[in-house]
């Protein structure tokens, strides 16, 4: 298990980002989905938790085979996806990633948002007070991102918002900028396979860090697109974008519901006080299983008939002298 705490500051308020994070997640998922790969939305509906109150539950399938490193593609099936389950009780959210093909793999992310510059060192005391973890600050303006994801229009050093006047951030901006907020993310990666654990957990944390950096840069760079939206408007944008994303990757799930509060199965609703739990399955995915009622292929007759030794003894074998022919044993 490898545990890290990420802190990502943005020139926004927590109240503003309630709309911004919904908009960013939907648009980012749509942009990253194409040709059978990307994010399929399976479920998205209101949810009520006895501890955290009203929120939104989403379940997604993230298809990403081509994005895996070569050593990972060699050991996973071609049709490969990760299941994402998220409980959004803003300003507190929980996200879990699992894979039925890899039952010993999981990612658990707890997020809290506060209006400060990342200075709260005890924000996760109730969840991980005694757990050793590395604290990593992510600077949306100055940290480098993978070159293939770079867009000048999404670079906070160049972008300036017309609606808020914020932007063109410079080194050290977190020390003096107002307003400012911080996304605190406690990320636990588990891959309990001997010989691969350290390598895989370190790789996953690198991917998580890149995604957090890119996503938060985009949330701010798109601020003029979502800043005037109401919650109803961003939910409608979310619904329409998710349906378009599903069609883009070639899946057509049931209509997404965002208007009622259903009762989810007890396996989803019951959870420890810190977070809902996602049960891991050790069963192989459907495409790897063999149907139990598949008819057996017959490669041999039901019965095997042996030759009659009485007849063999009297066979006339051409070219074989009678003295060399097989003969019956004498009767006593």
C-alpha atoms as a PDB file:
ATOM      1  CA  UNK A   1       0.000   0.000   0.000  1.00  0.00           C
ATOM      2  CA  UNK A   2       1.306   3.452  -0.943  1.00  0.00           C
ATOM      3  CA  UNK A   3      -0.367   6.499   0.626  1.00  0.00           C
ATOM      4  CA  UNK A   4       0.127  10.109  -0.488  1.00  0.00           C
ATOM      5  CA  UNK A   5      -1.652  13.387   0.229  1.00  0.00           C
ATOM      6  CA  UNK A   6      -1.937  15.839  -2.673  1.00  0.00           C
ATOM      7  CA  UNK A   7      -2.720  19.529  -2.215  1.00  0.00           C
ATOM      8  CA  UNK A   8      -3.789  21.522  -5.281  1.00  0.00           C
ATOM      9  CA  UNK A   9      -4.550  25.246  -4.958  1.00  0.00           C
ATOM     10  CA  UNK A  10      -6.702  27.259  -7.386  1.00  0.00           C
ATOM     11  CA  UNK A  11      -7.649  30.956  -7.665  1.00  0.00           C
ATOM     12  CA  UNK A  12     -11.286  30.156  -6.852  1.00  0.00           C
ATOM     13  CA  UNK A  13     -13.529  29.810  -3.821  1.00  0.00           C
ATOM     14  CA  UNK A  14     -14.937  26.497  -2.575  1.00  0.00           C
ATOM     15  CA  UNK A  15     -18.471  27.707  -3.377  1.00  0.00           C
ATOM     16  CA  UNK A  16     -17.463  28.577  -6.952  1.00  0.00           C
ATOM     17  CA  UNK A  17     -15.721  25.267  -7.505  1.00  0.00           C
ATOM     18  CA  UNK A  18     -18.863  23.297  -6.618  1.00  0.00           C
ATOM     19  CA  UNK A  19     -20.054  24.090 -10.142  1.00  0.00           C
ATOM     20  CA  UNK A  20     -16.588  24.067 -11.687  1.00  0.00           C
ATOM     21  CA  UNK A  21     -15.637  20.534 -10.664  1.00  0.00           C
ATOM     22  CA  UNK A  22     -18.834  19.053 -12.131  1.00  0.00           C
ATOM     23  CA  UNK A  23     -18.326  20.930 -15.386  1.00  0.00           C
ATOM     24  CA  UNK A  24     -14.640  20.002 -15.612  1.00  0.00           C
ATOM     25  CA  UNK A  25     -15.179  16.270 -14.969  1.00  0.00           C
ATOM     26  CA  UNK A  26     -17.872  15.997 -17.653  1.00  0.00           C
ATOM     27  CA  UNK A  27     -16.029  17.969 -20.310  1.00  0.00           C
ATOM     28  CA  UNK A  28     -12.660  16.311 -19.576  1.00  0.00           C
ATOM     29  CA  UNK A  29     -14.213  12.819 -19.791  1.00  0.00           C
ATOM     30  CA  UNK A  30     -15.808  13.691 -23.132  1.00  0.00           C
ATOM     31  CA  UNK A  31     -12.555  15.025 -24.573  1.00  0.00           C
ATOM     32  CA  UNK A  32     -10.597  11.942 -23.486  1.00  0.00           C
ATOM     33  CA  UNK A  33     -13.103   9.447 -24.943  1.00  0.00           C
ATOM     34  CA  UNK A  34     -12.876   8.152 -28.487  1.00  0.00           C
ATOM     35  CA  UNK A  35     -12.967   4.946 -30.558  1.00  0.00           C
ATOM     36  CA  UNK A  36     -14.053   2.560 -27.859  1.00  0.00           C
ATOM     37  CA  UNK A  37     -11.821   4.023 -25.147  1.00  0.00           C
ATOM     38  CA  UNK A  38     -12.623   6.594 -22.515  1.00  0.00           C
ATOM     39  CA  UNK A  39     -15.250   6.997 -19.797  1.00  0.00           C
ATOM     40  CA  UNK A  40     -18.627   5.254 -19.974  1.00  0.00           C
ATOM     41  CA  UNK A  41     -21.205   6.530 -17.473  1.00  0.00           C
ATOM     42  CA  UNK A  42     -23.179   3.610 -16.060  1.00  0.00           C
ATOM     43  CA  UNK A  43     -25.064   5.373 -13.247  1.00  0.00           C
ATOM     44  CA  UNK A  44     -25.449   8.974 -12.084  1.00  0.00           C
ATOM     45  CA  UNK A  45     -28.135   9.785  -9.540  1.00  0.00           C
ATOM     46  CA  UNK A  46     -28.783  11.513  -6.211  1.00  0.00           C
ATOM     47  CA  UNK A  47     -27.862   9.583  -3.090  1.00  0.00           C
ATOM     48  CA  UNK A  48     -28.475  10.087   0.608  1.00  0.00           C
ATOM     49  CA  UNK A  49     -25.966   8.964   3.250  1.00  0.00           C
ATOM     50  CA  UNK A  50     -26.809   8.816   6.982  1.00  0.00           C
ATOM     51  CA  UNK A  51     -23.455  10.382   7.907  1.00  0.00           C
ATOM     52  CA  UNK A  52     -22.730  12.789   5.058  1.00  0.00           C
ATOM     53  CA  UNK A  53     -26.234  13.805   4.000  1.00  0.00           C
ATOM     54  CA  UNK A  54     -27.415  14.362   0.427  1.00  0.00           C
ATOM     55  CA  UNK A  55     -24.991  13.771  -2.394  1.00  0.00           C
ATOM     56  CA  UNK A  56     -24.576  12.304  -5.855  1.00  0.00           C
ATOM     57  CA  UNK A  57     -23.498   8.744  -6.662  1.00  0.00           C
ATOM     58  CA  UNK A  58     -21.849   7.922  -9.979  1.00  0.00           C
ATOM     59  CA  UNK A  59     -20.499   4.705 -11.446  1.00  0.00           C
ATOM     60  CA  UNK A  60     -18.303   4.734 -14.528  1.00  0.00           C
ATOM     61  CA  UNK A  61     -16.195   2.363 -16.592  1.00  0.00           C
ATOM     62  CA  UNK A  62     -12.841   3.737 -17.670  1.00  0.00           C
ATOM     63  CA  UNK A  63     -11.513   1.989 -20.788  1.00  0.00           C
ATOM     64  CA  UNK A  64      -7.779   2.662 -21.044  1.00  0.00           C
ATOM     65  CA  UNK A  65      -5.921  -0.291 -22.560  1.00  0.00           C
ATOM     66  CA  UNK A  66      -3.963   1.831 -25.044  1.00  0.00           C
ATOM     67  CA  UNK A  67      -2.899   4.187 -22.241  1.00  0.00           C
ATOM     68  CA  UNK A  68      -1.202   1.430 -20.250  1.00  0.00           C
ATOM     69  CA  UNK A  69       2.575   0.955 -20.432  1.00  0.00           C
ATOM     70  CA  UNK A  70       3.769  -1.934 -22.614  1.00  0.00           C
ATOM     71  CA  UNK A  71       4.616  -4.148 -19.633  1.00  0.00           C
ATOM     72  CA  UNK A  72       1.068  -3.757 -18.313  1.00  0.00           C
ATOM     73  CA  UNK A  73      -0.629  -4.358 -21.699  1.00  0.00           C
ATOM     74  CA  UNK A  74       1.165  -7.699 -21.862  1.00  0.00           C
ATOM     75  CA  UNK A  75      -0.730  -9.060 -18.843  1.00  0.00           C
ATOM     76  CA  UNK A  76      -4.231  -7.612 -19.222  1.00  0.00           C
ATOM     77  CA  UNK A  77      -6.983  -8.550 -21.703  1.00  0.00           C
ATOM     78  CA  UNK A  78      -7.577  -6.370 -24.740  1.00  0.00           C
ATOM     79  CA  UNK A  79     -11.033  -5.399 -23.437  1.00  0.00           C
ATOM     80  CA  UNK A  80      -9.911  -3.838 -20.170  1.00  0.00           C
ATOM     81  CA  UNK A  81     -11.643  -1.304 -17.971  1.00  0.00           C
ATOM     82  CA  UNK A  82     -11.485   0.068 -14.453  1.00  0.00           C
ATOM     83  CA  UNK A  83     -14.683   0.632 -12.462  1.00  0.00           C
ATOM     84  CA  UNK A  84     -14.981   4.051 -10.823  1.00  0.00           C
ATOM     85  CA  UNK A  85     -17.495   4.641  -8.029  1.00  0.00           C
ATOM     86  CA  UNK A  86     -17.814   8.129  -6.583  1.00  0.00           C
ATOM     87  CA  UNK A  87     -19.844   9.648  -3.763  1.00  0.00           C
ATOM     88  CA  UNK A  88     -19.961  13.435  -3.986  1.00  0.00           C
ATOM     89  CA  UNK A  89     -21.001  15.114  -0.711  1.00  0.00           C
ATOM     90  CA  UNK A  90     -19.368  18.404  -1.642  1.00  0.00           C
ATOM     91  CA  UNK A  91     -17.125  19.724  -0.096  1.00  0.00           C
ATOM     92  CA  UNK A  92     -16.267  16.119   0.781  1.00  0.00           C
ATOM     93  CA  UNK A  93     -15.997  13.406  -1.879  1.00  0.00           C
ATOM     94  CA  UNK A  94     -14.962   9.762  -2.058  1.00  0.00           C
ATOM     95  CA  UNK A  95     -13.790   7.978  -5.195  1.00  0.00           C
ATOM     96  CA  UNK A  96     -12.829   4.324  -5.559  1.00  0.00           C
ATOM     97  CA  UNK A  97     -11.318   2.464  -8.507  1.00  0.00           C
ATOM     98  CA  UNK A  98     -11.319  -1.321  -8.818  1.00  0.00           C
ATOM     99  CA  UNK A  99     -10.829  -3.928 -11.528  1.00  0.00           C
ATOM    100  CA  UNK A 100     -12.395  -7.394 -11.493  1.00  0.00           C
ATOM    101  CA  UNK A 101      -9.503  -8.718 -13.601  1.00  0.00           C
ATOM    102  CA  UNK A 102      -7.054  -7.548 -10.903  1.00  0.00           C
ATOM    103  CA  UNK A 103      -8.823  -8.229  -7.574  1.00  0.00           C
ATOM    104  CA  UNK A 104      -5.781  -7.164  -5.530  1.00  0.00           C
ATOM    105  CA  UNK A 105      -5.717  -3.697  -7.153  1.00  0.00           C
ATOM    106  CA  UNK A 106      -7.592  -0.643  -5.830  1.00  0.00           C
ATOM    107  CA  UNK A 107      -7.348   3.144  -5.573  1.00  0.00           C
ATOM    108  CA  UNK A 108      -9.159   5.008  -2.808  1.00  0.00           C
ATOM    109  CA  UNK A 109      -9.334   8.831  -2.895  1.00  0.00           C
ATOM    110  CA  UNK A 110     -10.846  11.050  -0.216  1.00  0.00           C
ATOM    111  CA  UNK A 111     -11.104  14.741  -1.070  1.00  0.00           C
ATOM    112  CA  UNK A 112     -11.817  17.785   1.069  1.00  0.00           C
ATOM    113  CA  UNK A 113     -12.025  21.386  -0.119  1.00  0.00           C
ATOM    114  CA  UNK A 114     -11.161  24.430   1.982  1.00  0.00           C
ATOM    115  CA  UNK A 115     -10.673  28.156   1.379  1.00  0.00           C
ATOM    116  CA  UNK A 116      -6.943  28.332   2.179  1.00  0.00           C
ATOM    117  CA  UNK A 117      -3.587  27.869   0.440  1.00  0.00           C
ATOM    118  CA  UNK A 118      -2.989  24.276   1.528  1.00  0.00           C
ATOM    119  CA  UNK A 119      -1.976  25.099   5.082  1.00  0.00           C
ATOM    120  CA  UNK A 120      -4.219  22.658   6.985  1.00  0.00           C
ATOM    121  CA  UNK A 121      -1.912  19.838   8.103  1.00  0.00           C
ATOM    122  CA  UNK A 122      -4.604  18.092  10.160  1.00  0.00           C
ATOM    123  CA  UNK A 123      -7.418  17.963   7.629  1.00  0.00           C
ATOM    124  CA  UNK A 124      -7.300  14.152   7.417  1.00  0.00           C
ATOM    125  CA  UNK A 125      -6.639  13.452  11.098  1.00  0.00           C
ATOM    126  CA  UNK A 126      -9.904  11.538  11.457  1.00  0.00           C
ATOM    127  CA  UNK A 127      -9.137   9.361   8.424  1.00  0.00           C
ATOM    128  CA  UNK A 128      -5.373   8.815   8.528  1.00  0.00           C
ATOM    129  CA  UNK A 129      -3.911  10.457  11.624  1.00  0.00           C
ATOM    130  CA  UNK A 130      -1.499   7.629  12.429  1.00  0.00           C
ATOM    131  CA  UNK A 131      -0.671   6.622   8.840  1.00  0.00           C
ATOM    132  CA  UNK A 132       2.660   7.651   7.367  1.00  0.00           C
ATOM    133  CA  UNK A 133       2.195   9.545   4.120  1.00  0.00           C
ATOM    134  CA  UNK A 134       4.013  11.899   1.785  1.00  0.00           C
ATOM    135  CA  UNK A 135       2.518  15.371   1.254  1.00  0.00           C
ATOM    136  CA  UNK A 136       2.810  16.602  -2.349  1.00  0.00           C
ATOM    137  CA  UNK A 137       1.930  20.142  -3.438  1.00  0.00           C
ATOM    138  CA  UNK A 138       0.790  20.504  -7.061  1.00  0.00           C
ATOM    139  CA  UNK A 139       1.166  23.948  -8.648  1.00  0.00           C
ATOM    140  CA  UNK A 140      -1.260  24.389 -11.566  1.00  0.00           C
ATOM    141  CA  UNK A 141       0.792  27.297 -12.933  1.00  0.00           C
ATOM    142  CA  UNK A 142       4.390  26.154 -12.622  1.00  0.00           C
ATOM    143  CA  UNK A 143       4.461  22.338 -12.573  1.00  0.00           C
ATOM    144  CA  UNK A 144       5.204  20.698 -15.915  1.00  0.00           C
ATOM    145  CA  UNK A 145       2.623  18.474 -17.577  1.00  0.00           C
ATOM    146  CA  UNK A 146       3.208  15.788 -20.240  1.00  0.00           C
ATOM    147  CA  UNK A 147       3.837  17.547 -23.536  1.00  0.00           C
ATOM    148  CA  UNK A 148       1.007  15.711 -25.343  1.00  0.00           C
ATOM    149  CA  UNK A 149      -1.526  17.301 -22.956  1.00  0.00           C
ATOM    150  CA  UNK A 150      -0.223  20.863 -23.107  1.00  0.00           C
ATOM    151  CA  UNK A 151      -2.472  23.590 -24.538  1.00  0.00           C
ATOM    152  CA  UNK A 152      -1.528  27.251 -24.295  1.00  0.00           C
ATOM    153  CA  UNK A 153      -5.207  28.174 -23.842  1.00  0.00           C
ATOM    154  CA  UNK A 154      -5.248  25.997 -20.678  1.00  0.00           C
ATOM    155  CA  UNK A 155      -1.966  27.314 -19.276  1.00  0.00           C
ATOM    156  CA  UNK A 156      -2.684  29.440 -16.154  1.00  0.00           C
ATOM    157  CA  UNK A 157       0.477  31.454 -16.855  1.00  0.00           C
ATOM    158  CA  UNK A 158      -1.108  32.717 -20.100  1.00  0.00           C
ATOM    159  CA  UNK A 159      -4.855  32.408 -19.526  1.00  0.00           C
ATOM    160  CA  UNK A 160      -6.782  35.325 -18.015  1.00  0.00           C
ATOM    161  CA  UNK A 161     -10.486  35.062 -17.232  1.00  0.00           C
ATOM    162  CA  UNK A 162     -12.707  37.736 -18.792  1.00  0.00           C
ATOM    163  CA  UNK A 163     -15.487  37.185 -16.249  1.00  0.00           C
ATOM    164  CA  UNK A 164     -13.376  37.126 -13.073  1.00  0.00           C
ATOM    165  CA  UNK A 165     -10.212  39.001 -14.092  1.00  0.00           C
ATOM    166  CA  UNK A 166      -8.117  36.192 -12.599  1.00  0.00           C
ATOM    167  CA  UNK A 167      -5.248  34.494 -14.340  1.00  0.00           C
ATOM    168  CA  UNK A 168      -1.742  34.889 -15.761  1.00  0.00           C
ATOM    169  CA  UNK A 169      -0.438  33.308 -12.573  1.00  0.00           C
ATOM    170  CA  UNK A 170       3.237  33.685 -11.771  1.00  0.00           C
ATOM    171  CA  UNK A 171       5.598  31.723  -9.554  1.00  0.00           C
ATOM    172  CA  UNK A 172       4.676  32.215  -5.902  1.00  0.00           C
ATOM    173  CA  UNK A 173       1.080  33.140  -6.740  1.00  0.00           C
ATOM    174  CA  UNK A 174      -0.246  30.956  -3.890  1.00  0.00           C
ATOM    175  CA  UNK A 175       1.348  33.205  -1.275  1.00  0.00           C
ATOM    176  CA  UNK A 176      -0.627  36.325  -2.157  1.00  0.00           C
ATOM    177  CA  UNK A 177      -3.528  35.531  -4.494  1.00  0.00           C
ATOM    178  CA  UNK A 178      -7.104  36.146  -3.388  1.00  0.00           C
ATOM    179  CA  UNK A 179      -9.372  34.306  -3.561  1.00  0.00           C
ATOM    180  CA  UNK A 180      -7.631  30.960  -3.112  1.00  0.00           C
ATOM    181  CA  UNK A 181      -8.832  27.454  -2.273  1.00  0.00           C
ATOM    182  CA  UNK A 182      -7.207  24.057  -1.920  1.00  0.00           C
ATOM    183  CA  UNK A 183      -8.225  20.548  -2.957  1.00  0.00           C
ATOM    184  CA  UNK A 184      -6.837  18.123  -0.373  1.00  0.00           C
ATOM    185  CA  UNK A 185      -6.708  14.574  -1.732  1.00  0.00           C
ATOM    186  CA  UNK A 186      -5.732  11.525   0.314  1.00  0.00           C
ATOM    187  CA  UNK A 187      -4.833   8.824  -2.233  1.00  0.00           C
ATOM    188  CA  UNK A 188      -4.282   5.166  -1.298  1.00  0.00           C
ATOM    189  CA  UNK A 189      -3.017   2.782  -3.982  1.00  0.00           C
ATOM    190  CA  UNK A 190      -2.954  -0.977  -3.367  1.00  0.00           C
ATOM    191  CA  UNK A 191      -1.570  -3.670  -5.647  1.00  0.00           C
ATOM    192  CA  UNK A 192      -0.773  -6.625  -3.444  1.00  0.00           C
ATOM    193  CA  UNK A 193       1.114  -8.815  -5.902  1.00  0.00           C
ATOM    194  CA  UNK A 194       4.600  -9.924  -4.935  1.00  0.00           C
ATOM    195  CA  UNK A 195       7.292  -8.710  -7.297  1.00  0.00           C
ATOM    196  CA  UNK A 196       5.100  -6.044  -8.932  1.00  0.00           C
ATOM    197  CA  UNK A 197       3.650  -4.137  -5.972  1.00  0.00           C
ATOM    198  CA  UNK A 198       6.164  -1.279  -5.708  1.00  0.00           C
ATOM    199  CA  UNK A 199       6.456  -0.767  -9.450  1.00  0.00           C
ATOM    200  CA  UNK A 200       2.710  -0.685 -10.055  1.00  0.00           C
ATOM    201  CA  UNK A 201       1.874   1.508  -7.042  1.00  0.00           C
ATOM    202  CA  UNK A 202       4.524   4.071  -7.995  1.00  0.00           C
ATOM    203  CA  UNK A 203       3.321   4.094 -11.610  1.00  0.00           C
ATOM    204  CA  UNK A 204      -0.317   4.596 -10.549  1.00  0.00           C
ATOM    205  CA  UNK A 205       0.613   7.530  -8.293  1.00  0.00           C
ATOM    206  CA  UNK A 206       2.458   9.164 -11.208  1.00  0.00           C
ATOM    207  CA  UNK A 207      -0.660   8.799 -13.372  1.00  0.00           C
ATOM    208  CA  UNK A 208      -2.894  10.129 -10.578  1.00  0.00           C
ATOM    209  CA  UNK A 209      -0.644  13.167 -10.112  1.00  0.00           C
ATOM    210  CA  UNK A 210      -0.714  13.986 -13.842  1.00  0.00           C
ATOM    211  CA  UNK A 211      -4.509  13.665 -13.948  1.00  0.00           C
ATOM    212  CA  UNK A 212      -4.932  15.928 -10.920  1.00  0.00           C
ATOM    213  CA  UNK A 213      -2.634  18.557 -12.422  1.00  0.00           C
ATOM    214  CA  UNK A 214      -4.335  18.528 -15.825  1.00  0.00           C
ATOM    215  CA  UNK A 215      -7.867  18.455 -14.397  1.00  0.00           C
ATOM    216  CA  UNK A 216      -7.365  21.381 -12.028  1.00  0.00           C
ATOM    217  CA  UNK A 217      -5.652  23.448 -14.744  1.00  0.00           C
ATOM    218  CA  UNK A 218      -8.648  22.847 -16.991  1.00  0.00           C
ATOM    219  CA  UNK A 219     -11.170  23.652 -14.254  1.00  0.00           C
ATOM    220  CA  UNK A 220      -9.647  27.126 -13.946  1.00  0.00           C
ATOM    221  CA  UNK A 221      -8.978  27.636 -17.677  1.00  0.00           C
ATOM    222  CA  UNK A 222     -12.643  26.857 -18.442  1.00  0.00           C
ATOM    223  CA  UNK A 223     -13.951  29.163 -15.697  1.00  0.00           C
ATOM    224  CA  UNK A 224     -15.615  31.552 -18.178  1.00  0.00           C
ATOM    225  CA  UNK A 225     -17.625  28.621 -19.552  1.00  0.00           C
ATOM    226  CA  UNK A 226     -19.129  27.566 -16.202  1.00  0.00           C
ATOM    227  CA  UNK A 227     -18.869  30.636 -13.934  1.00  0.00           C
ATOM    228  CA  UNK A 228     -22.460  31.855 -14.511  1.00  0.00           C
ATOM    229  CA  UNK A 229     -24.074  28.405 -14.429  1.00  0.00           C
ATOM    230  CA  UNK A 230     -26.626  27.373 -11.814  1.00  0.00           C
ATOM    231  CA  UNK A 231     -26.618  23.870 -10.303  1.00  0.00           C
ATOM    232  CA  UNK A 232     -29.578  22.872 -12.484  1.00  0.00           C
ATOM    233  CA  UNK A 233     -27.766  24.106 -15.587  1.00  0.00           C
ATOM    234  CA  UNK A 234     -24.537  22.252 -14.813  1.00  0.00           C
ATOM    235  CA  UNK A 235     -26.497  19.065 -14.055  1.00  0.00           C
ATOM    236  CA  UNK A 236     -28.204  19.330 -17.434  1.00  0.00           C
ATOM    237  CA  UNK A 237     -24.810  19.930 -19.086  1.00  0.00           C
ATOM    238  CA  UNK A 238     -23.494  16.890 -17.211  1.00  0.00           C
ATOM    239  CA  UNK A 239     -26.394  14.695 -18.374  1.00  0.00           C
ATOM    240  CA  UNK A 240     -26.155  15.727 -22.027  1.00  0.00           C
ATOM    241  CA  UNK A 241     -22.365  15.435 -22.093  1.00  0.00           C
ATOM    242  CA  UNK A 242     -22.389  12.005 -20.471  1.00  0.00           C
ATOM    243  CA  UNK A 243     -24.883  10.650 -22.994  1.00  0.00           C
ATOM    244  CA  UNK A 244     -22.786  12.079 -25.837  1.00  0.00           C
ATOM    245  CA  UNK A 245     -19.654  10.533 -24.320  1.00  0.00           C
ATOM    246  CA  UNK A 246     -21.265   7.092 -24.090  1.00  0.00           C
ATOM    247  CA  UNK A 247     -22.248   7.266 -27.758  1.00  0.00           C
ATOM    248  CA  UNK A 248     -18.758   8.480 -28.664  1.00  0.00           C
ATOM    249  CA  UNK A 249     -17.150   5.332 -27.271  1.00  0.00           C
ATOM    250  CA  UNK A 250     -19.875   3.115 -28.700  1.00  0.00           C
ATOM    251  CA  UNK A 251     -22.034   2.154 -25.715  1.00  0.00           C
ATOM    252  CA  UNK A 252     -25.700   2.869 -25.079  1.00  0.00           C
ATOM    253  CA  UNK A 253     -26.537   2.424 -21.376  1.00  0.00           C
ATOM    254  CA  UNK A 254     -29.899   3.237 -19.767  1.00  0.00           C
ATOM    255  CA  UNK A 255     -30.943   6.876 -19.513  1.00  0.00           C
ATOM    256  CA  UNK A 256     -29.016   8.718 -16.785  1.00  0.00           C
ATOM    257  CA  UNK A 257     -31.205   9.839 -13.885  1.00  0.00           C
ATOM    258  CA  UNK A 258     -30.436  13.021 -11.970  1.00  0.00           C
ATOM    259  CA  UNK A 259     -33.866  13.833 -10.566  1.00  0.00           C
ATOM    260  CA  UNK A 260     -34.741  11.260  -7.899  1.00  0.00           C
ATOM    261  CA  UNK A 261     -33.115   9.637  -4.872  1.00  0.00           C
ATOM    262  CA  UNK A 262     -33.214   5.833  -5.263  1.00  0.00           C
ATOM    263  CA  UNK A 263     -32.298   3.270  -2.648  1.00  0.00           C
ATOM    264  CA  UNK A 264     -29.086   1.587  -3.721  1.00  0.00           C
ATOM    265  CA  UNK A 265     -28.353  -2.048  -2.784  1.00  0.00           C
ATOM    266  CA  UNK A 266     -27.200  -2.580   0.783  1.00  0.00           C
ATOM    267  CA  UNK A 267     -23.739  -3.607  -0.446  1.00  0.00           C
ATOM    268  CA  UNK A 268     -23.316  -0.065  -1.734  1.00  0.00           C
ATOM    269  CA  UNK A 269     -25.157   1.812   1.033  1.00  0.00           C
ATOM    270  CA  UNK A 270     -23.533   0.123   4.026  1.00  0.00           C
ATOM    271  CA  UNK A 271     -20.073   1.412   4.808  1.00  0.00           C
ATOM    272  CA  UNK A 272     -17.631   2.294   7.558  1.00  0.00           C
ATOM    273  CA  UNK A 273     -17.973   5.812   8.920  1.00  0.00           C
ATOM    274  CA  UNK A 274     -15.025   7.097   6.889  1.00  0.00           C
ATOM    275  CA  UNK A 275     -16.266   6.059   3.469  1.00  0.00           C
ATOM    276  CA  UNK A 276     -18.586   3.782   1.513  1.00  0.00           C
ATOM    277  CA  UNK A 277     -16.941   0.530   0.517  1.00  0.00           C
ATOM    278  CA  UNK A 278     -16.646  -1.131  -2.868  1.00  0.00           C
ATOM    279  CA  UNK A 279     -16.458  -4.935  -2.605  1.00  0.00           C
ATOM    280  CA  UNK A 280     -13.726  -6.534  -4.656  1.00  0.00           C
ATOM    281  CA  UNK A 281     -14.583  -9.496  -6.838  1.00  0.00           C
ATOM    282  CA  UNK A 282     -12.201 -12.336  -7.555  1.00  0.00           C
ATOM    283  CA  UNK A 283     -14.364 -13.677 -10.398  1.00  0.00           C
ATOM    284  CA  UNK A 284     -13.037 -13.363 -13.921  1.00  0.00           C
ATOM    285  CA  UNK A 285     -14.856 -10.868 -16.174  1.00  0.00           C
ATOM    286  CA  UNK A 286     -17.563 -12.290 -18.430  1.00  0.00           C
ATOM    287  CA  UNK A 287     -15.406 -12.281 -21.554  1.00  0.00           C
ATOM    288  CA  UNK A 288     -12.955 -14.667 -19.845  1.00  0.00           C
ATOM    289  CA  UNK A 289     -15.508 -17.124 -18.434  1.00  0.00           C
ATOM    290  CA  UNK A 290     -16.593 -20.348 -20.145  1.00  0.00           C
ATOM    291  CA  UNK A 291     -20.364 -20.960 -20.389  1.00  0.00           C
ATOM    292  CA  UNK A 292     -21.353 -23.785 -18.086  1.00  0.00           C
ATOM    293  CA  UNK A 293     -23.952 -25.187 -20.516  1.00  0.00           C
ATOM    294  CA  UNK A 294     -21.647 -25.271 -23.518  1.00  0.00           C
ATOM    295  CA  UNK A 295     -22.000 -28.683 -25.286  1.00  0.00           C
ATOM    296  CA  UNK A 296     -18.936 -30.863 -25.149  1.00  0.00           C
ATOM    297  CA  UNK A 297     -17.123 -31.503 -28.380  1.00  0.00           C
ATOM    298  CA  UNK A 298     -16.828 -35.228 -29.144  1.00  0.00           C
ATOM    299  CA  UNK A 299     -13.285 -36.127 -30.157  1.00  0.00           C
ATOM    300  CA  UNK A 300     -13.760 -39.939 -29.831  1.00  0.00           C
ATOM    301  CA  UNK A 301     -16.604 -42.478 -30.078  1.00  0.00           C
ATOM    302  CA  UNK A 302     -18.644 -43.164 -26.961  1.00  0.00           C
ATOM    303  CA  UNK A 303     -17.424 -46.838 -26.872  1.00  0.00           C
ATOM    304  CA  UNK A 304     -14.263 -48.480 -28.102  1.00  0.00           C
ATOM    305  CA  UNK A 305     -14.601 -51.851 -29.897  1.00  0.00           C
ATOM    306  CA  UNK A 306     -11.608 -54.175 -29.685  1.00  0.00           C
ATOM    307  CA  UNK A 307     -10.932 -56.814 -32.326  1.00  0.00           C
ATOM    308  CA  UNK A 308     -11.932 -60.418 -31.565  1.00  0.00           C
ATOM    309  CA  UNK A 309      -8.782 -62.465 -30.818  1.00  0.00           C
ATOM    310  CA  UNK A 310     -10.556 -65.561 -32.215  1.00  0.00           C
ATOM    311  CA  UNK A 311     -10.742 -63.874 -35.607  1.00  0.00           C
ATOM    312  CA  UNK A 312      -7.249 -62.447 -35.480  1.00  0.00           C
ATOM    313  CA  UNK A 313      -5.818 -65.904 -35.079  1.00  0.00           C
ATOM    314  CA  UNK A 314      -7.210 -67.027 -38.425  1.00  0.00           C
ATOM    315  CA  UNK A 315      -6.391 -63.961 -40.460  1.00  0.00           C
ATOM    316  CA  UNK A 316      -4.506 -64.632 -43.688  1.00  0.00           C
ATOM    317  CA  UNK A 317      -1.793 -61.969 -43.698  1.00  0.00           C
ATOM    318  CA  UNK A 318      -0.317 -61.614 -47.206  1.00  0.00           C
ATOM    319  CA  UNK A 319       3.417 -62.135 -47.464  1.00  0.00           C
ATOM    320  CA  UNK A 320       3.702 -63.693 -44.021  1.00  0.00           C
ATOM    321  CA  UNK A 321       4.529 -67.424 -43.779  1.00  0.00           C
ATOM    322  CA  UNK A 322       2.036 -69.460 -41.859  1.00  0.00           C
ATOM    323  CA  UNK A 323       4.648 -70.265 -39.228  1.00  0.00           C
ATOM    324  CA  UNK A 324       5.110 -66.554 -38.478  1.00  0.00           C
ATOM    325  CA  UNK A 325       1.448 -65.822 -38.215  1.00  0.00           C
ATOM    326  CA  UNK A 326      -0.006 -65.094 -34.813  1.00  0.00           C
ATOM    327  CA  UNK A 327      -1.639 -68.130 -33.342  1.00  0.00           C
ATOM    328  CA  UNK A 328      -4.054 -68.891 -30.587  1.00  0.00           C
ATOM    329  CA  UNK A 329      -2.753 -70.226 -27.321  1.00  0.00           C
ATOM    330  CA  UNK A 330      -3.357 -73.900 -26.962  1.00  0.00           C
ATOM    331  CA  UNK A 331      -6.245 -74.998 -24.863  1.00  0.00           C
ATOM    332  CA  UNK A 332      -5.328 -77.075 -21.909  1.00  0.00           C
END
